[in-house]
Amino acid sequence: MDNITPITSLFVDIGGVLLSNGWGHESRRAAADFFKIDYTEMEERHHLTCVTFEEGKLTLDEYLKRVIFYEKRSFTPAQFQSFMFDQSTPFTEMIDFIKQLKKQNKLKIAAVSNESRELNEHRIKKFHLDQFIDLFISSCFVHYRKPDINIFNMALDIAQVSVENVVYIEDRQMFIDVAEDLGIRCILHKDYISTSIQLALMGLKID
């Protein structure tokens, strides 16, 4: 244990780790069912716009106009946006765990996530993520999106931390593969218990 390089910073994904996915395929399917939208057409339009949307190059209003309101609807953009925002739910046990980790180990916490600006800001405020996350390396803020390696390089630069002092918690294997190419230690997040065990093996204090 003494030979393990100390961890001073924790990089963590938001959707799938701390919260439910903000606007994933399950949420889009639910929206299509609720508002009686053609799901296939909606998905095609979403995938044509999602990169620019999550890189902060498209506003939510612009996204909705291209994906949903390209034709007359029986509901309003405000109603659809409210439904989108309501899809987010917290993983309370994981949030409490990260808060405790930060306090016990004096860690710097940076979120590295792919999210559109309005949804990202809503989630940060609603679930008080800024109370324990120090830096938000969100795709909509930095204009790079995972799996682009530049978002991880930018996270290291902004956090001013060396790769050997970071652990990244992520629920998608491809994004872990990219981070590991930079030398970042990673944990493929499946659940609170397995992640806490792996962090303890890396030398962090866990009660």
N, C-alpha and C. Protein backbone atom coordinates (compact mmCIF):
# COMPACT_ATOMS: atom_id res chain seq x y z
N MET A 1 0.82 -1.19 0.00
CA MET A 1 0.00 0.00 0.00
C MET A 1 0.86 1.25 0.00
N ASP A 2 2.00 1.24 0.69
CA ASP A 2 2.87 2.41 0.78
C ASP A 2 3.47 2.78 -0.57
N ASN A 3 3.56 1.81 -1.49
CA ASN A 3 4.16 2.06 -2.79
C ASN A 3 3.18 2.63 -3.82
N ILE A 4 1.89 2.74 -3.42
CA ILE A 4 0.89 3.27 -4.32
C ILE A 4 1.04 4.78 -4.42
N THR A 5 1.08 5.31 -5.63
CA THR A 5 1.17 6.76 -5.82
C THR A 5 -0.08 7.40 -5.25
N PRO A 6 0.06 8.41 -4.40
CA PRO A 6 -1.11 8.99 -3.74
C PRO A 6 -2.07 9.64 -4.73
N ILE A 7 -3.36 9.50 -4.45
CA ILE A 7 -4.41 10.12 -5.24
C ILE A 7 -4.75 11.47 -4.62
N THR A 8 -4.65 12.51 -5.41
CA THR A 8 -4.98 13.84 -4.92
C THR A 8 -6.22 14.41 -5.60
N SER A 9 -6.59 13.81 -6.75
CA SER A 9 -7.73 14.31 -7.50
C SER A 9 -8.58 13.16 -8.02
N LEU A 10 -9.86 13.41 -8.03
CA LEU A 10 -10.81 12.43 -8.53
C LEU A 10 -11.57 13.05 -9.70
N PHE A 11 -11.48 12.42 -10.87
CA PHE A 11 -12.28 12.82 -12.02
C PHE A 11 -13.50 11.88 -12.03
N VAL A 12 -14.67 12.44 -12.21
CA VAL A 12 -15.88 11.61 -12.14
C VAL A 12 -16.87 12.04 -13.22
N ASP A 13 -17.45 11.05 -13.87
CA ASP A 13 -18.53 11.31 -14.81
C ASP A 13 -19.78 11.67 -14.00
N ILE A 14 -20.72 12.37 -14.63
CA ILE A 14 -21.96 12.71 -13.93
C ILE A 14 -23.06 11.70 -14.27
N GLY A 15 -23.48 11.66 -15.54
CA GLY A 15 -24.53 10.73 -15.93
C GLY A 15 -24.07 9.29 -15.86
N GLY A 16 -24.78 8.49 -15.09
CA GLY A 16 -24.42 7.08 -14.94
C GLY A 16 -23.59 6.81 -13.70
N VAL A 17 -23.09 7.87 -13.06
CA VAL A 17 -22.28 7.71 -11.85
C VAL A 17 -22.92 8.46 -10.67
N LEU A 18 -23.13 9.74 -10.83
CA LEU A 18 -23.73 10.55 -9.76
C LEU A 18 -25.23 10.75 -9.96
N LEU A 19 -25.62 10.85 -11.22
CA LEU A 19 -27.03 11.04 -11.57
C LEU A 19 -27.40 10.08 -12.70
N SER A 20 -28.69 9.96 -12.94
CA SER A 20 -29.13 9.23 -14.12
C SER A 20 -28.65 9.99 -15.36
N ASN A 21 -28.65 9.34 -16.51
CA ASN A 21 -28.28 10.04 -17.73
C ASN A 21 -29.26 11.18 -17.98
N GLY A 22 -28.73 12.34 -18.38
CA GLY A 22 -29.58 13.50 -18.51
C GLY A 22 -30.57 13.43 -19.66
N TRP A 23 -30.11 12.97 -20.82
CA TRP A 23 -30.98 12.89 -22.00
C TRP A 23 -30.54 11.71 -22.84
N GLY A 24 -30.53 10.55 -22.19
CA GLY A 24 -30.13 9.32 -22.86
C GLY A 24 -31.28 8.71 -23.65
N HIS A 25 -31.02 7.55 -24.26
CA HIS A 25 -32.01 6.94 -25.13
C HIS A 25 -33.28 6.54 -24.39
N GLU A 26 -33.15 6.16 -23.10
CA GLU A 26 -34.34 5.80 -22.33
C GLU A 26 -35.23 7.01 -22.11
N SER A 27 -34.62 8.15 -21.83
CA SER A 27 -35.39 9.38 -21.65
C SER A 27 -36.03 9.83 -22.95
N ARG A 28 -35.30 9.68 -24.04
CA ARG A 28 -35.86 10.07 -25.34
C ARG A 28 -37.02 9.16 -25.72
N ARG A 29 -36.89 7.88 -25.43
CA ARG A 29 -37.99 6.94 -25.69
C ARG A 29 -39.22 7.32 -24.84
N ALA A 30 -38.98 7.65 -23.58
CA ALA A 30 -40.09 8.05 -22.70
C ALA A 30 -40.77 9.31 -23.22
N ALA A 31 -39.98 10.26 -23.71
CA ALA A 31 -40.53 11.49 -24.25
C ALA A 31 -41.36 11.22 -25.50
N ALA A 32 -40.85 10.35 -26.37
CA ALA A 32 -41.58 10.01 -27.59
C ALA A 32 -42.92 9.36 -27.26
N ASP A 33 -42.93 8.49 -26.26
CA ASP A 33 -44.18 7.84 -25.85
C ASP A 33 -45.14 8.84 -25.22
N PHE A 34 -44.61 9.69 -24.35
CA PHE A 34 -45.46 10.63 -23.61
C PHE A 34 -46.10 11.67 -24.54
N PHE A 35 -45.28 12.19 -25.46
CA PHE A 35 -45.77 13.25 -26.35
C PHE A 35 -46.27 12.72 -27.70
N LYS A 36 -46.23 11.37 -27.85
CA LYS A 36 -46.70 10.73 -29.09
C LYS A 36 -45.96 11.26 -30.32
N ILE A 37 -44.62 11.14 -30.24
CA ILE A 37 -43.73 11.55 -31.32
C ILE A 37 -43.20 10.29 -32.01
N ASP A 38 -42.95 10.39 -33.29
CA ASP A 38 -42.32 9.29 -34.03
C ASP A 38 -40.89 9.13 -33.51
N TYR A 39 -40.66 8.03 -32.77
CA TYR A 39 -39.36 7.84 -32.11
C TYR A 39 -38.22 7.68 -33.11
N THR A 40 -38.47 6.97 -34.20
CA THR A 40 -37.41 6.75 -35.19
C THR A 40 -36.95 8.06 -35.80
N GLU A 41 -37.89 8.91 -36.17
CA GLU A 41 -37.55 10.21 -36.74
C GLU A 41 -36.84 11.08 -35.71
N MET A 42 -37.34 11.05 -34.49
CA MET A 42 -36.73 11.83 -33.41
C MET A 42 -35.29 11.40 -33.16
N GLU A 43 -35.05 10.09 -33.15
CA GLU A 43 -33.70 9.58 -32.91
C GLU A 43 -32.75 9.95 -34.03
N GLU A 44 -33.22 9.88 -35.26
CA GLU A 44 -32.36 10.26 -36.38
C GLU A 44 -31.96 11.73 -36.28
N ARG A 45 -32.92 12.58 -35.98
CA ARG A 45 -32.64 14.01 -35.85
C ARG A 45 -31.74 14.28 -34.65
N HIS A 46 -31.97 13.54 -33.56
CA HIS A 46 -31.12 13.71 -32.37
C HIS A 46 -29.67 13.38 -32.70
N HIS A 47 -29.44 12.26 -33.34
CA HIS A 47 -28.07 11.83 -33.61
C HIS A 47 -27.36 12.75 -34.62
N LEU A 48 -28.12 13.42 -35.45
CA LEU A 48 -27.52 14.37 -36.38
C LEU A 48 -27.11 15.67 -35.68
N THR A 49 -27.67 15.93 -34.51
CA THR A 49 -27.40 17.20 -33.82
C THR A 49 -26.72 17.04 -32.47
N CYS A 50 -26.62 15.82 -31.94
CA CYS A 50 -26.20 15.66 -30.54
C CYS A 50 -24.77 16.10 -30.28
N VAL A 51 -23.88 15.92 -31.24
CA VAL A 51 -22.49 16.33 -31.01
C VAL A 51 -22.39 17.84 -30.83
N THR A 52 -22.97 18.60 -31.75
CA THR A 52 -22.91 20.06 -31.63
C THR A 52 -23.69 20.54 -30.41
N PHE A 53 -24.76 19.84 -30.06
CA PHE A 53 -25.56 20.18 -28.88
C PHE A 53 -24.74 20.01 -27.60
N GLU A 54 -24.08 18.87 -27.47
CA GLU A 54 -23.31 18.60 -26.25
C GLU A 54 -21.99 19.36 -26.21
N GLU A 55 -21.52 19.81 -27.36
CA GLU A 55 -20.29 20.62 -27.37
C GLU A 55 -20.59 22.11 -27.15
N GLY A 56 -21.83 22.44 -26.83
CA GLY A 56 -22.19 23.80 -26.52
C GLY A 56 -22.28 24.71 -27.72
N LYS A 57 -22.42 24.14 -28.90
CA LYS A 57 -22.49 24.92 -30.14
C LYS A 57 -23.93 25.06 -30.64
N LEU A 58 -24.85 24.55 -29.85
CA LEU A 58 -26.26 24.60 -30.18
C LEU A 58 -27.02 24.81 -28.88
N THR A 59 -27.90 25.81 -28.84
CA THR A 59 -28.69 26.04 -27.62
C THR A 59 -29.80 25.01 -27.53
N LEU A 60 -30.40 24.92 -26.36
CA LEU A 60 -31.52 23.99 -26.18
C LEU A 60 -32.68 24.37 -27.09
N ASP A 61 -32.95 25.66 -27.22
CA ASP A 61 -34.03 26.10 -28.11
C ASP A 61 -33.76 25.67 -29.55
N GLU A 62 -32.51 25.81 -29.99
CA GLU A 62 -32.14 25.42 -31.35
C GLU A 62 -32.24 23.91 -31.54
N TYR A 63 -31.80 23.17 -30.53
CA TYR A 63 -31.89 21.71 -30.57
C TYR A 63 -33.35 21.26 -30.70
N LEU A 64 -34.21 21.83 -29.85
CA LEU A 64 -35.62 21.45 -29.88
C LEU A 64 -36.28 21.80 -31.21
N LYS A 65 -35.89 22.92 -31.78
CA LYS A 65 -36.44 23.31 -33.08
C LYS A 65 -36.07 22.31 -34.16
N ARG A 66 -34.84 21.80 -34.11
CA ARG A 66 -34.37 20.88 -35.13
C ARG A 66 -34.87 19.45 -34.92
N VAL A 67 -35.00 19.06 -33.66
CA VAL A 67 -35.31 17.66 -33.36
C VAL A 67 -36.80 17.42 -33.13
N ILE A 68 -37.50 18.37 -32.51
CA ILE A 68 -38.90 18.18 -32.14
C ILE A 68 -39.85 19.13 -32.87
N PHE A 69 -39.52 20.42 -32.88
CA PHE A 69 -40.47 21.42 -33.36
C PHE A 69 -40.20 21.87 -34.80
N TYR A 70 -39.77 20.93 -35.61
CA TYR A 70 -39.63 21.18 -37.04
C TYR A 70 -41.00 21.13 -37.72
N GLU A 71 -42.01 20.69 -36.95
CA GLU A 71 -43.39 20.70 -37.43
C GLU A 71 -44.29 21.09 -36.26
N LYS A 72 -45.52 21.44 -36.55
CA LYS A 72 -46.45 21.89 -35.52
C LYS A 72 -46.74 20.77 -34.53
N ARG A 73 -46.73 21.10 -33.24
CA ARG A 73 -46.99 20.12 -32.19
C ARG A 73 -48.17 20.58 -31.32
N SER A 74 -48.72 19.63 -30.58
CA SER A 74 -49.84 19.95 -29.68
C SER A 74 -49.36 20.37 -28.30
N PHE A 75 -48.06 20.44 -28.12
CA PHE A 75 -47.44 20.84 -26.84
C PHE A 75 -46.41 21.92 -27.13
N THR A 76 -45.95 22.58 -26.09
CA THR A 76 -45.04 23.71 -26.27
C THR A 76 -43.60 23.30 -25.98
N PRO A 77 -42.63 24.09 -26.47
CA PRO A 77 -41.23 23.83 -26.12
C PRO A 77 -41.00 23.84 -24.61
N ALA A 78 -41.69 24.70 -23.90
CA ALA A 78 -41.53 24.76 -22.44
C ALA A 78 -41.98 23.46 -21.78
N GLN A 79 -43.07 22.89 -22.27
CA GLN A 79 -43.56 21.62 -21.72
C GLN A 79 -42.57 20.49 -22.00
N PHE A 80 -42.03 20.49 -23.20
CA PHE A 80 -41.07 19.43 -23.54
C PHE A 80 -39.79 19.59 -22.72
N GLN A 81 -39.31 20.83 -22.58
CA GLN A 81 -38.11 21.07 -21.78
C GLN A 81 -38.31 20.63 -20.35
N SER A 82 -39.47 20.92 -19.78
CA SER A 82 -39.76 20.51 -18.41
C SER A 82 -39.71 19.00 -18.28
N PHE A 83 -40.23 18.28 -19.27
CA PHE A 83 -40.17 16.82 -19.26
C PHE A 83 -38.72 16.35 -19.31
N MET A 84 -37.91 16.96 -20.18
CA MET A 84 -36.49 16.61 -20.28
C MET A 84 -35.80 16.74 -18.94
N PHE A 85 -36.00 17.88 -18.29
CA PHE A 85 -35.32 18.16 -17.03
C PHE A 85 -35.78 17.20 -15.93
N ASP A 86 -37.05 16.79 -15.99
CA ASP A 86 -37.58 15.91 -14.95
C ASP A 86 -37.04 14.49 -15.02
N GLN A 87 -36.35 14.15 -16.11
CA GLN A 87 -35.81 12.80 -16.24
C GLN A 87 -34.60 12.56 -15.34
N SER A 88 -33.97 13.62 -14.88
CA SER A 88 -32.76 13.48 -14.06
C SER A 88 -33.11 13.09 -12.63
N THR A 89 -32.45 12.04 -12.14
CA THR A 89 -32.62 11.61 -10.75
C THR A 89 -31.24 11.37 -10.14
N PRO A 90 -31.10 11.58 -8.83
CA PRO A 90 -29.79 11.42 -8.19
C PRO A 90 -29.53 9.99 -7.74
N PHE A 91 -28.26 9.61 -7.76
CA PHE A 91 -27.82 8.38 -7.12
C PHE A 91 -27.26 8.82 -5.76
N THR A 92 -28.16 8.92 -4.80
CA THR A 92 -27.85 9.56 -3.52
C THR A 92 -26.70 8.88 -2.79
N GLU A 93 -26.67 7.57 -2.81
CA GLU A 93 -25.61 6.84 -2.10
C GLU A 93 -24.24 7.19 -2.68
N MET A 94 -24.17 7.30 -4.00
CA MET A 94 -22.90 7.61 -4.65
C MET A 94 -22.49 9.06 -4.39
N ILE A 95 -23.44 9.96 -4.42
CA ILE A 95 -23.15 11.37 -4.14
C ILE A 95 -22.62 11.52 -2.72
N ASP A 96 -23.28 10.88 -1.76
CA ASP A 96 -22.84 10.96 -0.36
C ASP A 96 -21.45 10.35 -0.20
N PHE A 97 -21.19 9.28 -0.93
CA PHE A 97 -19.89 8.62 -0.87
C PHE A 97 -18.78 9.53 -1.38
N ILE A 98 -19.00 10.21 -2.51
CA ILE A 98 -17.99 11.11 -3.07
C ILE A 98 -17.76 12.29 -2.13
N LYS A 99 -18.80 12.79 -1.52
CA LYS A 99 -18.65 13.87 -0.54
C LYS A 99 -17.76 13.44 0.62
N GLN A 100 -18.00 12.23 1.11
CA GLN A 100 -17.21 11.71 2.23
C GLN A 100 -15.76 11.46 1.83
N LEU A 101 -15.57 10.92 0.61
CA LEU A 101 -14.23 10.69 0.09
C LEU A 101 -13.44 12.00 0.04
N LYS A 102 -14.07 13.03 -0.48
CA LYS A 102 -13.43 14.34 -0.61
C LYS A 102 -12.99 14.85 0.76
N LYS A 103 -13.87 14.75 1.73
CA LYS A 103 -13.58 15.26 3.07
C LYS A 103 -12.47 14.45 3.74
N GLN A 104 -12.55 13.14 3.67
CA GLN A 104 -11.57 12.28 4.35
C GLN A 104 -10.18 12.35 3.73
N ASN A 105 -10.14 12.47 2.40
CA ASN A 105 -8.86 12.39 1.70
C ASN A 105 -8.37 13.71 1.13
N LYS A 106 -9.14 14.79 1.42
CA LYS A 106 -8.78 16.14 0.94
C LYS A 106 -8.56 16.15 -0.58
N LEU A 107 -9.52 15.58 -1.29
CA LEU A 107 -9.41 15.43 -2.74
C LEU A 107 -9.95 16.64 -3.48
N LYS A 108 -9.38 16.89 -4.64
CA LYS A 108 -9.95 17.82 -5.61
C LYS A 108 -10.86 16.99 -6.51
N ILE A 109 -12.10 17.43 -6.68
CA ILE A 109 -13.07 16.69 -7.48
C ILE A 109 -13.37 17.46 -8.76
N ALA A 110 -13.23 16.79 -9.89
CA ALA A 110 -13.54 17.40 -11.19
C ALA A 110 -14.53 16.50 -11.93
N ALA A 111 -15.62 17.09 -12.39
CA ALA A 111 -16.57 16.35 -13.22
C ALA A 111 -16.12 16.45 -14.68
N VAL A 112 -16.04 15.31 -15.34
CA VAL A 112 -15.69 15.26 -16.76
C VAL A 112 -16.86 14.59 -17.46
N SER A 113 -17.68 15.39 -18.15
CA SER A 113 -18.95 14.85 -18.64
C SER A 113 -19.35 15.42 -19.99
N ASN A 114 -20.14 14.65 -20.71
CA ASN A 114 -20.77 15.10 -21.95
C ASN A 114 -22.19 15.53 -21.64
N GLU A 115 -22.43 16.84 -21.66
CA GLU A 115 -23.78 17.33 -21.40
C GLU A 115 -23.99 18.65 -22.11
N SER A 116 -25.23 18.89 -22.53
CA SER A 116 -25.59 20.18 -23.11
C SER A 116 -25.66 21.24 -22.01
N ARG A 117 -25.49 22.50 -22.40
CA ARG A 117 -25.34 23.57 -21.41
C ARG A 117 -26.55 23.70 -20.47
N GLU A 118 -27.72 23.87 -21.03
CA GLU A 118 -28.89 24.14 -20.18
C GLU A 118 -29.19 22.97 -19.25
N LEU A 119 -29.06 21.75 -19.77
CA LEU A 119 -29.32 20.58 -18.94
C LEU A 119 -28.24 20.42 -17.88
N ASN A 120 -27.00 20.65 -18.25
CA ASN A 120 -25.88 20.56 -17.32
C ASN A 120 -26.06 21.56 -16.17
N GLU A 121 -26.38 22.79 -16.51
CA GLU A 121 -26.56 23.83 -15.49
C GLU A 121 -27.74 23.51 -14.58
N HIS A 122 -28.80 22.97 -15.17
CA HIS A 122 -29.96 22.57 -14.37
C HIS A 122 -29.59 21.48 -13.37
N ARG A 123 -28.85 20.48 -13.82
CA ARG A 123 -28.49 19.36 -12.97
C ARG A 123 -27.53 19.79 -11.85
N ILE A 124 -26.60 20.67 -12.19
CA ILE A 124 -25.67 21.18 -11.18
C ILE A 124 -26.43 21.88 -10.07
N LYS A 125 -27.37 22.74 -10.45
CA LYS A 125 -28.12 23.52 -9.46
C LYS A 125 -29.12 22.67 -8.69
N LYS A 126 -29.88 21.84 -9.40
CA LYS A 126 -30.93 21.06 -8.74
C LYS A 126 -30.37 20.09 -7.72
N PHE A 127 -29.24 19.46 -8.05
CA PHE A 127 -28.68 18.44 -7.16
C PHE A 127 -27.47 18.95 -6.38
N HIS A 128 -27.25 20.26 -6.41
CA HIS A 128 -26.20 20.92 -5.62
C HIS A 128 -24.82 20.29 -5.84
N LEU A 129 -24.53 19.95 -7.08
CA LEU A 129 -23.26 19.31 -7.39
C LEU A 129 -22.08 20.23 -7.11
N ASP A 130 -22.30 21.53 -7.21
CA ASP A 130 -21.21 22.49 -6.98
C ASP A 130 -20.83 22.59 -5.51
N GLN A 131 -21.56 21.93 -4.63
CA GLN A 131 -21.21 21.93 -3.22
C GLN A 131 -20.04 21.00 -2.91
N PHE A 132 -19.78 20.06 -3.82
CA PHE A 132 -18.65 19.15 -3.57
C PHE A 132 -17.76 18.94 -4.79
N ILE A 133 -18.21 19.35 -5.96
CA ILE A 133 -17.37 19.26 -7.17
C ILE A 133 -16.68 20.62 -7.37
N ASP A 134 -15.38 20.59 -7.49
CA ASP A 134 -14.60 21.83 -7.60
C ASP A 134 -14.55 22.37 -9.02
N LEU A 135 -14.52 21.47 -10.01
CA LEU A 135 -14.34 21.87 -11.41
C LEU A 135 -15.31 21.10 -12.30
N PHE A 136 -15.91 21.79 -13.26
CA PHE A 136 -16.81 21.13 -14.20
C PHE A 136 -16.20 21.20 -15.59
N ILE A 137 -15.62 20.10 -16.02
CA ILE A 137 -15.06 20.00 -17.36
C ILE A 137 -16.15 19.38 -18.24
N SER A 138 -17.19 20.16 -18.45
CA SER A 138 -18.35 19.69 -19.21
C SER A 138 -18.12 19.98 -20.69
N SER A 139 -18.57 19.08 -21.54
CA SER A 139 -18.36 19.24 -22.98
C SER A 139 -18.93 20.57 -23.48
N CYS A 140 -20.04 21.00 -22.90
CA CYS A 140 -20.67 22.24 -23.34
C CYS A 140 -19.85 23.47 -22.96
N PHE A 141 -18.98 23.35 -21.96
CA PHE A 141 -18.15 24.48 -21.53
C PHE A 141 -16.82 24.51 -22.27
N VAL A 142 -16.22 23.35 -22.50
CA VAL A 142 -14.88 23.29 -23.08
C VAL A 142 -14.88 22.99 -24.58
N HIS A 143 -16.07 22.63 -25.13
CA HIS A 143 -16.25 22.40 -26.57
C HIS A 143 -15.47 21.19 -27.09
N TYR A 144 -15.17 20.28 -26.20
CA TYR A 144 -14.67 18.95 -26.56
C TYR A 144 -15.59 17.94 -25.90
N ARG A 145 -15.75 16.80 -26.55
CA ARG A 145 -16.70 15.80 -26.07
C ARG A 145 -16.01 14.44 -26.03
N LYS A 146 -16.18 13.73 -24.93
CA LYS A 146 -15.67 12.37 -24.88
C LYS A 146 -16.25 11.58 -26.04
N PRO A 147 -15.46 10.75 -26.72
CA PRO A 147 -14.13 10.25 -26.38
C PRO A 147 -12.95 11.07 -26.91
N ASP A 148 -13.15 12.31 -27.28
CA ASP A 148 -12.03 13.15 -27.71
C ASP A 148 -11.01 13.26 -26.57
N ILE A 149 -9.78 12.88 -26.85
CA ILE A 149 -8.74 12.88 -25.81
C ILE A 149 -8.47 14.28 -25.28
N ASN A 150 -8.82 15.31 -26.06
CA ASN A 150 -8.57 16.69 -25.63
C ASN A 150 -9.33 17.07 -24.38
N ILE A 151 -10.50 16.46 -24.14
CA ILE A 151 -11.26 16.83 -22.95
C ILE A 151 -10.52 16.35 -21.69
N PHE A 152 -9.83 15.22 -21.80
CA PHE A 152 -9.06 14.71 -20.65
C PHE A 152 -7.79 15.53 -20.45
N ASN A 153 -7.13 15.90 -21.54
CA ASN A 153 -5.96 16.77 -21.42
C ASN A 153 -6.34 18.11 -20.80
N MET A 154 -7.49 18.63 -21.22
CA MET A 154 -7.96 19.89 -20.66
C MET A 154 -8.29 19.76 -19.18
N ALA A 155 -8.89 18.64 -18.80
CA ALA A 155 -9.20 18.40 -17.40
C ALA A 155 -7.93 18.39 -16.55
N LEU A 156 -6.89 17.74 -17.05
CA LEU A 156 -5.61 17.71 -16.33
C LEU A 156 -5.02 19.11 -16.21
N ASP A 157 -5.10 19.87 -17.29
CA ASP A 157 -4.55 21.23 -17.28
C ASP A 157 -5.31 22.14 -16.32
N ILE A 158 -6.64 22.09 -16.40
CA ILE A 158 -7.45 22.96 -15.55
C ILE A 158 -7.32 22.58 -14.08
N ALA A 159 -7.28 21.28 -13.81
CA ALA A 159 -7.14 20.81 -12.42
C ALA A 159 -5.71 20.97 -11.91
N GLN A 160 -4.76 21.18 -12.83
CA GLN A 160 -3.35 21.28 -12.48
C GLN A 160 -2.90 20.09 -11.64
N VAL A 161 -3.09 18.92 -12.25
CA VAL A 161 -2.75 17.67 -11.58
C VAL A 161 -2.05 16.75 -12.58
N SER A 162 -1.13 15.93 -12.08
CA SER A 162 -0.44 14.95 -12.91
C SER A 162 -1.27 13.68 -13.02
N VAL A 163 -1.10 12.98 -14.15
CA VAL A 163 -1.91 11.79 -14.39
C VAL A 163 -1.77 10.74 -13.28
N GLU A 164 -0.58 10.65 -12.70
CA GLU A 164 -0.36 9.60 -11.69
C GLU A 164 -1.12 9.87 -10.39
N ASN A 165 -1.62 11.09 -10.22
CA ASN A 165 -2.33 11.45 -8.99
C ASN A 165 -3.85 11.49 -9.17
N VAL A 166 -4.32 10.98 -10.32
CA VAL A 166 -5.75 11.04 -10.64
C VAL A 166 -6.35 9.65 -10.74
N VAL A 167 -7.59 9.53 -10.30
CA VAL A 167 -8.42 8.37 -10.60
C VAL A 167 -9.70 8.88 -11.25
N TYR A 168 -10.09 8.20 -12.32
CA TYR A 168 -11.28 8.61 -13.07
C TYR A 168 -12.35 7.53 -12.93
N ILE A 169 -13.55 7.93 -12.51
CA ILE A 169 -14.69 7.02 -12.35
C ILE A 169 -15.66 7.26 -13.51
N GLU A 170 -15.90 6.23 -14.29
CA GLU A 170 -16.69 6.36 -15.53
C GLU A 170 -17.45 5.07 -15.76
N ASP A 171 -18.64 5.16 -16.35
CA ASP A 171 -19.44 3.95 -16.56
C ASP A 171 -19.38 3.43 -17.99
N ARG A 172 -18.56 4.05 -18.86
CA ARG A 172 -18.46 3.59 -20.24
C ARG A 172 -17.02 3.20 -20.57
N GLN A 173 -16.87 1.96 -21.04
CA GLN A 173 -15.54 1.40 -21.26
C GLN A 173 -14.74 2.19 -22.28
N MET A 174 -15.35 2.66 -23.36
CA MET A 174 -14.60 3.39 -24.37
C MET A 174 -13.94 4.64 -23.80
N PHE A 175 -14.65 5.36 -22.95
CA PHE A 175 -14.09 6.58 -22.36
C PHE A 175 -12.96 6.25 -21.40
N ILE A 176 -13.07 5.13 -20.72
CA ILE A 176 -11.99 4.66 -19.86
C ILE A 176 -10.76 4.32 -20.69
N ASP A 177 -10.96 3.67 -21.81
CA ASP A 177 -9.83 3.30 -22.68
C ASP A 177 -9.04 4.55 -23.10
N VAL A 178 -9.76 5.62 -23.44
CA VAL A 178 -9.10 6.86 -23.86
C VAL A 178 -8.33 7.47 -22.70
N ALA A 179 -8.94 7.54 -21.52
CA ALA A 179 -8.27 8.11 -20.36
C ALA A 179 -7.04 7.29 -19.97
N GLU A 180 -7.15 5.97 -20.07
CA GLU A 180 -6.02 5.10 -19.72
C GLU A 180 -4.86 5.28 -20.70
N ASP A 181 -5.17 5.64 -21.93
CA ASP A 181 -4.10 5.91 -22.90
C ASP A 181 -3.22 7.08 -22.46
N LEU A 182 -3.78 7.96 -21.64
CA LEU A 182 -3.02 9.10 -21.10
C LEU A 182 -2.28 8.73 -19.81
N GLY A 183 -2.55 7.54 -19.29
CA GLY A 183 -1.92 7.12 -18.05
C GLY A 183 -2.77 7.34 -16.82
N ILE A 184 -4.04 7.73 -17.01
CA ILE A 184 -4.94 7.95 -15.88
C ILE A 184 -5.47 6.61 -15.38
N ARG A 185 -5.39 6.40 -14.09
CA ARG A 185 -6.00 5.21 -13.49
C ARG A 185 -7.52 5.37 -13.53
N CYS A 186 -8.22 4.31 -13.87
CA CYS A 186 -9.67 4.40 -14.06
C CYS A 186 -10.40 3.28 -13.34
N ILE A 187 -11.66 3.57 -13.04
CA ILE A 187 -12.57 2.57 -12.48
C ILE A 187 -13.81 2.55 -13.35
N LEU A 188 -14.13 1.36 -13.89
CA LEU A 188 -15.37 1.19 -14.63
C LEU A 188 -16.49 1.05 -13.60
N HIS A 189 -17.28 2.09 -13.48
CA HIS A 189 -18.30 2.13 -12.43
C HIS A 189 -19.48 1.23 -12.78
N LYS A 190 -19.79 0.33 -11.85
CA LYS A 190 -20.96 -0.53 -11.99
C LYS A 190 -21.95 -0.28 -10.85
N ASP A 191 -21.40 -0.11 -9.66
CA ASP A 191 -22.24 0.20 -8.50
C ASP A 191 -21.37 0.78 -7.39
N TYR A 192 -22.01 1.30 -6.39
CA TYR A 192 -21.33 1.95 -5.27
C TYR A 192 -20.33 1.02 -4.58
N ILE A 193 -20.75 -0.21 -4.32
CA ILE A 193 -19.92 -1.14 -3.55
C ILE A 193 -18.62 -1.47 -4.29
N SER A 194 -18.73 -1.87 -5.56
CA SER A 194 -17.52 -2.26 -6.30
C SER A 194 -16.57 -1.08 -6.50
N THR A 195 -17.13 0.10 -6.72
CA THR A 195 -16.28 1.29 -6.88
C THR A 195 -15.57 1.63 -5.58
N SER A 196 -16.26 1.54 -4.45
CA SER A 196 -15.64 1.85 -3.16
C SER A 196 -14.52 0.86 -2.84
N ILE A 197 -14.70 -0.39 -3.19
CA ILE A 197 -13.67 -1.40 -2.95
C ILE A 197 -12.41 -1.08 -3.77
N GLN A 198 -12.60 -0.72 -5.03
CA GLN A 198 -11.46 -0.42 -5.89
C GLN A 198 -10.72 0.83 -5.42
N LEU A 199 -11.46 1.83 -4.96
CA LEU A 199 -10.82 3.06 -4.45
C LEU A 199 -10.02 2.76 -3.19
N ALA A 200 -10.53 1.88 -2.35
CA ALA A 200 -9.80 1.51 -1.13
C ALA A 200 -8.50 0.80 -1.49
N LEU A 201 -8.55 -0.07 -2.50
CA LEU A 201 -7.35 -0.76 -2.94
C LEU A 201 -6.31 0.19 -3.52
N MET A 202 -6.78 1.35 -3.99
CA MET A 202 -5.86 2.36 -4.54
C MET A 202 -5.29 3.27 -3.44
N GLY A 203 -5.70 3.02 -2.20
CA GLY A 203 -5.08 3.74 -1.09
C GLY A 203 -5.91 4.83 -0.45
N LEU A 204 -7.14 5.03 -0.89
CA LEU A 204 -7.97 6.08 -0.31
C LEU A 204 -8.58 5.61 1.01
N LYS A 205 -8.75 6.53 1.94
CA LYS A 205 -9.41 6.24 3.20
C LYS A 205 -10.91 6.17 2.98
N ILE A 206 -11.51 5.07 3.40
CA ILE A 206 -12.94 4.88 3.22
C ILE A 206 -13.50 4.29 4.51
N ASP A 207 -14.46 4.97 5.10
CA ASP A 207 -15.10 4.46 6.31
C ASP A 207 -16.23 3.53 5.96
